C-alpha cells in the first residue's frame, strides 16, 4: 500500500501564460493563426534545464473540451521560417512535474531537430486552470493531450497531418490512451512509461488482488467522507521528503531529481508535496490503455534497461498489434535517467522514429 502511494509522486503539471494572437480554443475565427513574434527568453523564466538560446519559446494558453484553460510553452524549430509548415509534437510528464521540467527539456531538444514542440501543464496543476488543485484523472488528463493536438492544428505553421505525442512517466499511459482514440495522432513516443491506472488498481508488479483493492477502496471512501465533512480535499504528504538512504534506487533517484536544484520547481507537485488523497479513485474506476491493441499509428516505447518501470513498458509493447511499433531499451539507464540525462535519453532514435512516421 505504501509502495503504491509512493508511486503517486511521479511526474507532471505544466503550462505558462499569454494567448498567441487570439489562439484560445473556441475563438471564432476562420483563419489559422500564426504564432506571435517569439522571444528567446520567457518572462519570469523558471525552467530547470540548460536553456538553448538559439531556440525561440513562448507562453501559450488553450482550452480542453471541458473548458479548462491549459498553459504551455511552445518551442519553435531552430531556424524557424513562418512561411513553412512543420511537424509538431505535444509533450507532457512525468506524473507530478511541470512544463519547466522534463517535458520542456524534451520540447527544446526536439525543436533543435526541426519540430514545433508544445510542452504543457495538465489540468489542475502548474499554471493550468481547474479546481480542485493537485488532482489527476485519467479521462480529463487524456483529454488534455487531445486539447494540445487541437491547439497545434490551429497553428498556420503546423502541418495538421504530422502531429505526434510524447508522454513521459505517468503521462505515457495518457498518451497511449489518446493515441487509441485520436486518429489525428500519427506517432506516439512513451519514455519511462507508467500506466497509472494499472498501478493504482493492481499495485506495483500486479501484487494487489480483489481483496487488496477492496481494502484500498474502503480507505479511499473513508477519506472521501472526511473530505466532505471538512469541505476540503486533503493532500498526501510528500513521500520524497522521507526517502531513507537504504530506500530502493528508484525512490532515491526521484528524490535526487525532484527535490534538488537539478530538477526542483516550485509549481511541481512531486517537488513540493503530493496529490489529493482520493486521486486514485478515478484511475481505479477508469483504466488507461484499454484499447492499446487497436492503435494503428506508430508507437515507440523507450525504457531504461535498469528501470523499475521497464516491465510495464514491455507489457504495453506486447499488447500493440501494429507492425509500426518499436521497443528501445537504453543500456544501463534507470527510470529517472530519461527525465534529464542528455547522454541517456535516446533523442537520435526518437528523432528518427518521428521523422519516419511524420512524413
Protein backbone atom coordinates (compact mmCIF):
# COMPACT_ATOMS: atom_id res chain seq x y z
CA UNK A 1 0.00 0.00 0.00
CA UNK A 2 2.79 2.38 1.00
CA UNK A 3 4.66 1.49 -2.18
CA UNK A 4 1.56 2.18 -4.25
CA UNK A 5 1.02 5.56 -2.65
CA UNK A 6 4.66 6.40 -3.25
CA UNK A 7 4.12 6.00 -6.98
CA UNK A 8 1.58 8.79 -6.86
CA UNK A 9 4.60 11.08 -6.75
CA UNK A 10 5.99 10.62 -10.25
CA UNK A 11 5.52 13.15 -12.93
CA UNK A 12 3.98 16.41 -14.36
CA UNK A 13 1.98 19.53 -14.30
CA UNK A 14 2.63 22.42 -16.65
CA UNK A 15 1.90 25.48 -18.82
CA UNK A 16 2.53 29.26 -18.93
CA UNK A 17 0.61 32.47 -19.77
CA UNK A 18 -0.34 34.64 -22.78
CA UNK A 19 -2.57 34.00 -25.79
CA UNK A 20 -0.85 33.68 -29.17
CA UNK A 21 -2.63 36.15 -31.37
CA UNK A 22 -6.05 35.05 -30.09
CA UNK A 23 -5.35 31.34 -30.25
CA UNK A 24 -7.54 30.30 -27.32
CA UNK A 25 -9.76 27.32 -28.05
CA UNK A 26 -13.27 28.30 -29.04
CA UNK A 27 -12.42 31.71 -30.50
CA UNK A 28 -14.50 32.38 -33.60
CA UNK A 29 -12.05 32.77 -36.44
CA UNK A 30 -11.96 31.32 -39.92
CA UNK A 31 -8.23 31.60 -40.36
CA UNK A 32 -5.46 29.57 -38.89
CA UNK A 33 -3.21 31.69 -36.76
CA UNK A 34 0.48 32.38 -36.98
CA UNK A 35 2.47 32.29 -33.72
CA UNK A 36 3.17 35.73 -32.32
CA UNK A 37 6.70 37.01 -32.53
CA UNK A 38 8.66 34.63 -30.36
CA UNK A 39 11.20 35.73 -27.81
CA UNK A 40 14.34 33.90 -26.82
CA UNK A 41 13.52 34.03 -23.13
CA UNK A 42 10.21 33.74 -21.34
CA UNK A 43 9.15 36.39 -18.87
CA UNK A 44 9.93 35.06 -15.38
CA UNK A 45 11.68 32.08 -16.93
CA UNK A 46 11.86 29.30 -14.32
CA UNK A 47 12.89 26.34 -16.48
CA UNK A 48 15.18 23.99 -14.58
CA UNK A 49 17.24 22.65 -17.51
CA UNK A 50 20.01 24.23 -19.56
CA UNK A 51 18.46 26.76 -21.92
CA UNK A 52 19.39 26.73 -25.60
CA UNK A 53 19.42 30.43 -26.62
CA UNK A 54 19.04 29.51 -30.29
CA UNK A 55 15.51 28.18 -29.71
CA UNK A 56 12.57 30.58 -29.52
CA UNK A 57 9.88 29.73 -26.96
CA UNK A 58 6.68 31.48 -25.95
CA UNK A 59 3.97 31.01 -23.36
CA UNK A 60 0.59 29.93 -24.72
CA UNK A 61 -2.88 29.10 -23.41
CA UNK A 62 -5.66 26.91 -24.82
CA UNK A 63 -8.77 25.14 -23.53
CA UNK A 64 -9.76 21.49 -23.39
CA UNK A 65 -13.25 20.16 -24.15
CA UNK A 66 -14.25 20.58 -20.52
CA UNK A 67 -13.47 24.29 -20.66
CA UNK A 68 -10.31 24.15 -18.53
CA UNK A 69 -7.61 26.55 -19.68
CA UNK A 70 -4.23 24.88 -20.08
CA UNK A 71 -0.86 26.61 -20.08
CA UNK A 72 2.04 25.61 -22.28
CA UNK A 73 5.40 26.55 -23.69
CA UNK A 74 5.59 26.48 -27.48
CA UNK A 75 9.09 25.82 -28.85
CA UNK A 76 9.73 26.83 -32.45
CA UNK A 77 12.18 24.91 -34.66
CA UNK A 78 15.73 26.09 -34.96
CA UNK A 79 15.88 28.50 -37.89
CA UNK A 80 12.10 28.89 -37.78
CA UNK A 81 10.56 30.12 -41.04
CA UNK A 82 7.00 31.40 -40.67
CA UNK A 83 6.28 30.52 -44.30
CA UNK A 84 6.93 26.81 -43.74
CA UNK A 85 4.76 24.10 -42.21
CA UNK A 86 6.40 21.83 -39.67
CA UNK A 87 5.69 18.53 -37.94
CA UNK A 88 4.60 19.06 -34.35
CA UNK A 89 4.78 17.23 -31.04
CA UNK A 90 2.70 17.62 -27.85
CA UNK A 91 4.65 16.64 -24.72
CA UNK A 92 3.65 16.07 -21.10
CA UNK A 93 5.02 14.38 -17.97
CA UNK A 94 6.24 12.94 -15.77
CA UNK A 95 3.43 12.48 -13.22
CA UNK A 96 3.60 15.44 -10.84
CA UNK A 97 6.00 17.51 -12.96
CA UNK A 98 5.51 20.79 -14.81
CA UNK A 99 6.42 22.07 -18.26
CA UNK A 100 9.53 23.74 -16.88
CA UNK A 101 10.96 20.31 -16.04
CA UNK A 102 11.42 17.18 -18.20
CA UNK A 103 8.74 17.88 -20.82
CA UNK A 104 10.29 21.28 -21.53
CA UNK A 105 13.70 19.69 -21.98
CA UNK A 106 12.25 17.22 -24.48
CA UNK A 107 10.44 20.04 -26.29
CA UNK A 108 13.55 22.18 -26.54
CA UNK A 109 15.64 19.32 -27.88
CA UNK A 110 13.03 18.30 -30.45
CA UNK A 111 12.79 21.92 -31.59
CA UNK A 112 16.52 21.84 -32.35
CA UNK A 113 15.73 18.86 -34.58
CA UNK A 114 13.07 20.58 -36.65
CA UNK A 115 9.79 20.12 -34.75
CA UNK A 116 7.28 22.57 -33.36
CA UNK A 117 7.07 21.27 -29.79
CA UNK A 118 4.43 22.06 -27.16
CA UNK A 119 5.16 21.23 -23.50
CA UNK A 120 2.12 21.78 -21.31
CA UNK A 121 0.80 21.60 -17.75
CA UNK A 122 -2.15 19.22 -17.29
CA UNK A 123 -5.45 20.32 -15.77
CA UNK A 124 -5.39 21.18 -12.05
CA UNK A 125 -1.60 21.56 -11.94
CA UNK A 126 1.17 24.05 -12.65
CA UNK A 127 -0.08 27.20 -14.37
CA UNK A 128 -3.08 25.45 -15.90
CA UNK A 129 -6.59 26.03 -14.62
CA UNK A 130 -9.02 23.73 -12.88
CA UNK A 131 -10.26 23.25 -9.35
CA UNK A 132 -9.53 21.40 -7.03
CA UNK A 133 -5.76 21.67 -7.37
CA UNK A 134 -3.27 18.79 -7.27
CA UNK A 135 -5.69 16.21 -8.62
CA UNK A 136 -5.36 13.90 -11.62
CA UNK A 137 -7.98 11.94 -13.54
CA UNK A 138 -7.42 9.58 -16.49
CA UNK A 139 -10.22 10.90 -18.70
CA UNK A 140 -9.50 14.58 -18.11
CA UNK A 141 -5.74 14.24 -18.48
CA UNK A 142 -6.10 12.15 -21.63
CA UNK A 143 -8.33 14.93 -22.94
CA UNK A 144 -5.54 17.40 -22.14
CA UNK A 145 -3.43 15.66 -24.78
CA UNK A 146 -6.33 15.95 -27.23
CA UNK A 147 -6.62 19.66 -26.46
CA UNK A 148 -2.91 20.09 -27.17
CA UNK A 149 -3.47 18.48 -30.57
CA UNK A 150 -6.43 20.82 -31.12
CA UNK A 151 -4.18 23.77 -30.41
CA UNK A 152 -1.43 22.60 -32.73
CA UNK A 153 -3.88 22.13 -35.60
CA UNK A 154 -4.82 25.81 -35.28
CA UNK A 155 -1.28 26.99 -35.92
CA UNK A 156 -0.64 28.03 -39.50
CA UNK A 157 2.96 26.84 -39.39
CA UNK A 158 1.99 23.31 -38.26
CA UNK A 159 1.12 20.53 -40.69
CA UNK A 160 -2.00 19.02 -39.12
CA UNK A 161 -1.30 15.69 -40.80
CA UNK A 162 2.05 15.39 -38.98
CA UNK A 163 1.34 15.53 -35.25
CA UNK A 164 2.80 13.24 -32.57
CA UNK A 165 2.59 12.78 -28.81
CA UNK A 166 5.36 12.27 -26.26
CA UNK A 167 4.35 11.03 -22.82
CA UNK A 168 6.94 10.84 -20.05
CA UNK A 169 6.45 8.75 -16.90
CA UNK A 170 2.81 8.61 -15.81
CA UNK A 171 1.75 10.67 -18.81
CA UNK A 172 2.88 7.82 -21.04
CA UNK A 173 -0.34 5.99 -20.23
CA UNK A 174 -2.38 9.09 -21.06
CA UNK A 175 -0.52 9.49 -24.38
CA UNK A 176 -1.21 5.87 -25.34
CA UNK A 177 -4.88 6.27 -24.43
CA UNK A 178 -5.19 9.43 -26.54
CA UNK A 179 -3.45 7.70 -29.46
CA UNK A 180 -6.03 4.91 -29.24
CA UNK A 181 -8.94 7.34 -29.79
CA UNK A 182 -7.46 10.21 -31.81
CA UNK A 183 -6.72 9.41 -35.45
CA UNK A 184 -5.04 12.80 -35.87
CA UNK A 185 -2.10 11.40 -33.90
CA UNK A 186 0.33 9.81 -36.35
CA UNK A 187 3.03 8.72 -33.89
CA UNK A 188 3.46 8.35 -30.13
CA UNK A 189 6.60 8.10 -28.02
CA UNK A 190 6.42 6.97 -24.39
CA UNK A 191 9.52 7.37 -22.24
CA UNK A 192 9.87 5.69 -18.82
CA UNK A 193 6.15 4.98 -19.04
CA UNK A 194 3.82 4.31 -16.14
CA UNK A 195 0.26 3.02 -16.60
CA UNK A 196 -1.14 4.86 -13.58
CA UNK A 197 -4.49 3.09 -13.84
CA UNK A 198 -2.85 -0.30 -13.52
CA UNK A 199 -0.57 0.95 -10.76
CA UNK A 200 -3.44 2.20 -8.60
CA UNK A 201 -5.79 -0.69 -9.29
CA UNK A 202 -3.40 -3.64 -9.36
CA UNK A 203 -0.43 -2.45 -7.34
CA UNK A 204 3.16 -2.44 -8.45
CA UNK A 205 4.16 -5.72 -10.13
CA UNK A 206 0.43 -6.60 -10.09
CA UNK A 207 0.57 -7.61 -6.41
CA UNK A 208 -2.92 -6.39 -5.46
CA UNK A 209 -5.85 -8.82 -5.76
CA UNK A 210 -9.56 -8.09 -5.41
CA UNK A 211 -9.37 -8.20 -1.60
CA UNK A 212 -6.45 -5.80 -1.54
CA UNK A 213 -8.23 -3.50 -3.95
CA UNK A 214 -11.35 -3.58 -1.76
CA UNK A 215 -9.35 -2.55 1.31
CA UNK A 216 -7.84 0.31 -0.67
CA UNK A 217 -11.31 1.41 -1.78
CA UNK A 218 -12.50 1.33 1.83
CA UNK A 219 -9.64 3.60 2.81
CA UNK A 220 -10.36 5.97 -0.07
CA UNK A 221 -14.08 6.01 0.71
CA UNK A 222 -13.34 6.91 4.33
CA UNK A 223 -11.08 9.69 3.12
CA UNK A 224 -13.77 10.96 0.80
CA UNK A 225 -16.23 11.18 3.71
CA UNK A 226 -13.64 13.09 5.72
CA UNK A 227 -13.07 15.49 2.83
CA UNK A 228 -16.82 16.09 2.63
CA UNK A 229 -17.04 16.78 6.35
CA UNK A 230 -14.22 19.31 6.36
CA UNK A 231 -15.31 20.75 2.98
CA UNK A 232 -11.80 20.41 1.60
CA UNK A 233 -9.53 17.93 -0.14
CA UNK A 234 -6.66 16.62 1.94
CA UNK A 235 -3.34 16.22 0.14
CA UNK A 236 -0.91 13.36 0.61
CA UNK A 237 2.33 14.10 2.39
CA UNK A 238 5.39 14.48 0.20
CA UNK A 239 6.82 10.97 0.14
CA UNK A 240 10.05 12.11 -1.48
CA UNK A 241 10.95 14.16 1.59
CA UNK A 242 11.23 10.98 3.67
CA UNK A 243 13.38 8.78 1.45
CA UNK A 244 15.96 6.94 3.54
CA UNK A 245 19.49 6.12 2.32
CA UNK A 246 18.55 2.43 2.11
CA UNK A 247 15.36 3.05 0.11
CA UNK A 248 15.00 1.46 -3.34
CA UNK A 249 17.18 3.03 -6.03
CA UNK A 250 14.26 4.48 -7.96
CA UNK A 251 12.99 6.43 -4.92
CA UNK A 252 16.42 7.88 -4.27
CA UNK A 253 16.68 8.80 -7.95
CA UNK A 254 13.28 10.50 -7.90
CA UNK A 255 14.24 12.46 -4.81
CA UNK A 256 17.53 13.48 -6.43
CA UNK A 257 15.64 14.89 -9.41
CA UNK A 258 12.54 16.49 -7.92
CA UNK A 259 13.89 17.68 -4.56
CA UNK A 260 17.28 19.12 -5.53
CA UNK A 261 18.49 22.01 -7.63
CA UNK A 262 18.79 19.56 -10.51
CA UNK A 263 15.04 19.39 -11.14
CA UNK A 264 13.16 21.17 -8.33
CA UNK A 265 10.37 23.52 -9.38
CA UNK A 266 8.10 25.50 -7.10
CA UNK A 267 4.95 24.52 -9.03
CA UNK A 268 5.75 20.82 -9.34
CA UNK A 269 3.61 18.53 -7.18
CA UNK A 270 6.41 15.99 -6.95
CA UNK A 271 8.84 18.69 -5.84
CA UNK A 272 6.64 20.13 -3.12
CA UNK A 273 4.03 17.76 -1.76
CA UNK A 274 1.54 15.27 -3.07
CA UNK A 275 -1.71 14.65 -4.87
CA UNK A 276 -5.11 14.80 -3.21
CA UNK A 277 -5.55 11.62 -1.19
CA UNK A 278 -8.55 10.48 -3.25
CA UNK A 279 -6.79 10.83 -6.62
CA UNK A 280 -6.52 7.01 -7.09
CA UNK A 281 -10.33 6.64 -7.24
CA UNK A 282 -10.67 7.83 -10.83
CA UNK A 283 -7.81 5.66 -12.02
CA UNK A 284 -9.25 2.55 -10.38
CA UNK A 285 -12.66 3.26 -11.91
CA UNK A 286 -11.41 4.17 -15.40
CA UNK A 287 -8.45 2.08 -16.64
CA UNK A 288 -5.97 3.53 -19.11
CA UNK A 289 -4.63 1.90 -22.28
CA UNK A 290 -7.66 -0.40 -22.62
CA UNK A 291 -7.64 -0.13 -26.43
CA UNK A 292 -3.89 -0.02 -26.92
CA UNK A 293 -4.16 -3.07 -29.18
CA UNK A 294 -6.33 -1.07 -31.60
CA UNK A 295 -3.79 1.71 -32.17
CA UNK A 296 -2.93 1.90 -35.88
CA UNK A 297 -0.45 4.76 -35.71
CA UNK A 298 3.20 4.23 -34.84
CA UNK A 299 4.37 3.77 -31.24
CA UNK A 300 7.89 3.90 -29.79
CA UNK A 301 8.31 2.57 -26.24
CA UNK A 302 11.52 3.77 -24.55
CA UNK A 303 12.74 2.49 -21.19
CA UNK A 304 15.99 2.32 -19.30
CA UNK A 305 17.46 -1.16 -19.21
CA UNK A 306 17.58 -0.93 -15.40
CA UNK A 307 14.32 0.99 -14.94
CA UNK A 308 11.85 -0.35 -12.39
CA UNK A 309 9.11 0.58 -14.89
CA UNK A 310 10.58 -1.49 -17.71
CA UNK A 311 8.12 -4.42 -17.19
CA UNK A 312 5.20 -2.02 -17.60
CA UNK A 313 6.54 -0.74 -20.92
CA UNK A 314 7.29 -4.23 -22.17
CA UNK A 315 3.76 -5.34 -21.24
CA UNK A 316 2.32 -2.44 -23.22
CA UNK A 317 4.56 -3.22 -26.18
CA UNK A 318 3.26 -6.79 -26.19
CA UNK A 319 -0.31 -5.53 -26.46
CA UNK A 320 0.39 -3.37 -29.51
CA UNK A 321 -0.62 -5.17 -32.70
CA UNK A 322 0.79 -2.95 -35.41
CA UNK A 323 3.97 -3.61 -37.35
CA UNK A 324 4.88 0.05 -36.80
CA UNK A 325 5.86 -0.40 -33.16
CA UNK A 326 9.33 -0.25 -31.62
CA UNK A 327 10.81 -1.03 -28.20
CA UNK A 328 14.08 0.69 -27.33
CA UNK A 329 15.92 -0.19 -24.12
CA UNK A 330 18.62 2.29 -23.13
CA UNK A 331 21.71 0.39 -21.89
CA UNK A 332 22.39 0.80 -18.15
CA UNK A 333 19.78 3.57 -17.84
CA UNK A 334 17.32 3.91 -14.96
CA UNK A 335 13.79 5.33 -14.91
CA UNK A 336 14.86 8.84 -13.90
CA UNK A 337 17.80 8.93 -16.32
CA UNK A 338 15.24 9.54 -19.07
CA UNK A 339 13.97 12.69 -17.35
CA UNK A 340 17.04 14.83 -17.95
CA UNK A 341 20.20 12.86 -18.68
CA UNK A 342 21.14 14.07 -22.14
CA UNK A 343 23.66 11.25 -22.51
CA UNK A 344 20.98 8.64 -21.86
CA UNK A 345 17.79 9.99 -23.47
CA UNK A 346 17.92 8.48 -27.00
CA UNK A 347 16.99 11.62 -28.91
CA UNK A 348 18.59 10.34 -32.11
CA UNK A 349 16.27 7.32 -32.00
CA UNK A 350 13.26 9.47 -31.13
CA UNK A 351 14.06 11.89 -33.96
CA UNK A 352 14.50 9.09 -36.48
CA UNK A 353 11.22 7.48 -35.40
CA UNK A 354 9.21 10.70 -35.54
CA UNK A 355 10.59 11.74 -38.91
CA UNK A 356 9.87 8.30 -40.32
CA UNK A 357 6.20 8.40 -39.33
CA UNK A 358 5.57 12.14 -39.69
CA UNK A 359 6.48 12.27 -43.37
